[in-house]
Each structure stands twice: as C-alpha cells, then as structure tokens.
Amino acid sequence: MAKNVICLWYDGTAEQAARFYAQTFPDSTLTAVHRAPGDYPDGKEGQVLTVEFSVLGVACLGLNGGPAFKHSEAFSFQIVTEDQAETDRYWNAIVGNGGAESACGWCKDKWGLSWQITPRVLLEATTDSDRAAAKCAFEAMMKMKRSTSPRSKQHDADRLAPRAHAGLPAAA
C-alpha cells in the first residue's frame, strides 16, 4: 500500500463505488476487498469493511463506516481532460450513473463524492498571464454546469474582446 492513501467513507457501498471508478477511468483499479474480522458499529463480521482501489493512479481506500459521515464539496477529485469528448465521457458516466450536475464543471457521483471534470484548455485559459483573457474565461466557466472546451473562432473573438475594449493589442 502507498504511504499516502486517500480514505473515503461510504455507507456500505465502497466496493460498488470502487468498481465504478475502475470501469470509468483509465489507470484505475480495484486492488483488494477486505472483510471485517469481527462485528463493528455499522456492520457485521464478514461484511466488506475496506476496499483498496486507485483512481487515475491515485491510491484510495474505501471504508464502509456507516451513515455517520457524508461526502461534501470540501473534497473533490479534479480530472483534467484533453478534449471535449473525454470531458463528456466522464461527465456522462458520473451523472448518468445516478449522479448530479453542479456548477462550474463540478458534478457528484451517486455516492455523494464531488468531481471536477475540467478540460486542460479551460484551466490554461483561466490562469492565462493575460489577466483580461483569464477573467473572460473565468466568467464563462462560472456560468457553466458541464465544462466545455473553447473550440470556435467565436470563442477566440470573445476571449480577445476585453483586450480590444481596454485598448490593448489583440495578443493570441
């Protein structure tokens, strides 16, 4: 087991969640399922207690701890995608499997875990050294549910408009 492992709390569904992640994301596996050696507060001997898995190479441990704690947006996986097809594939898998859309490229899976499915080009645009262009991209992102990649000449015109309005040269 890795030295640093993300432990995620589930209400009896850690194995189901880990199998979904392993089927959905590349470089993701379900490594081990461990059954409780004795009764515990929210389970019985022999029930699945922990599940070792990885998501895109990140080591995780699913703990079936019961209903006491819920996932929140305070923790999320950010998945950086290379194109809109990849963004759509992950988004559709999560939302289409009982999840829910949120805002700004975030969604939740059916177990309540938050995901940021984010195109690399959008991250680059919102962190552009051209602050006017970054602001334009950021404002567009804030209006999105599912993240979309800038793909059109119209996007380029919209992105450069704040520079022209400010009297700046239209740098690419």
Foldseek 3Di string as FASTA:
>chain_A
DDPDAAEAEFQLCQVVVLVLQPVQAPPKFWDDWDFACAADDRGGGGRTAWTWMDHNNGTYIYGNPRDPDAADPVDAAEAEDAAVVSLCSNVCSQVVQCKAWDALQWIAHNRGHIYRSHYPQLVCQLVPPPPQLNVQSVVVSRHGRHDHHDDDVVNLCSSQVVCVVVVHDSDD
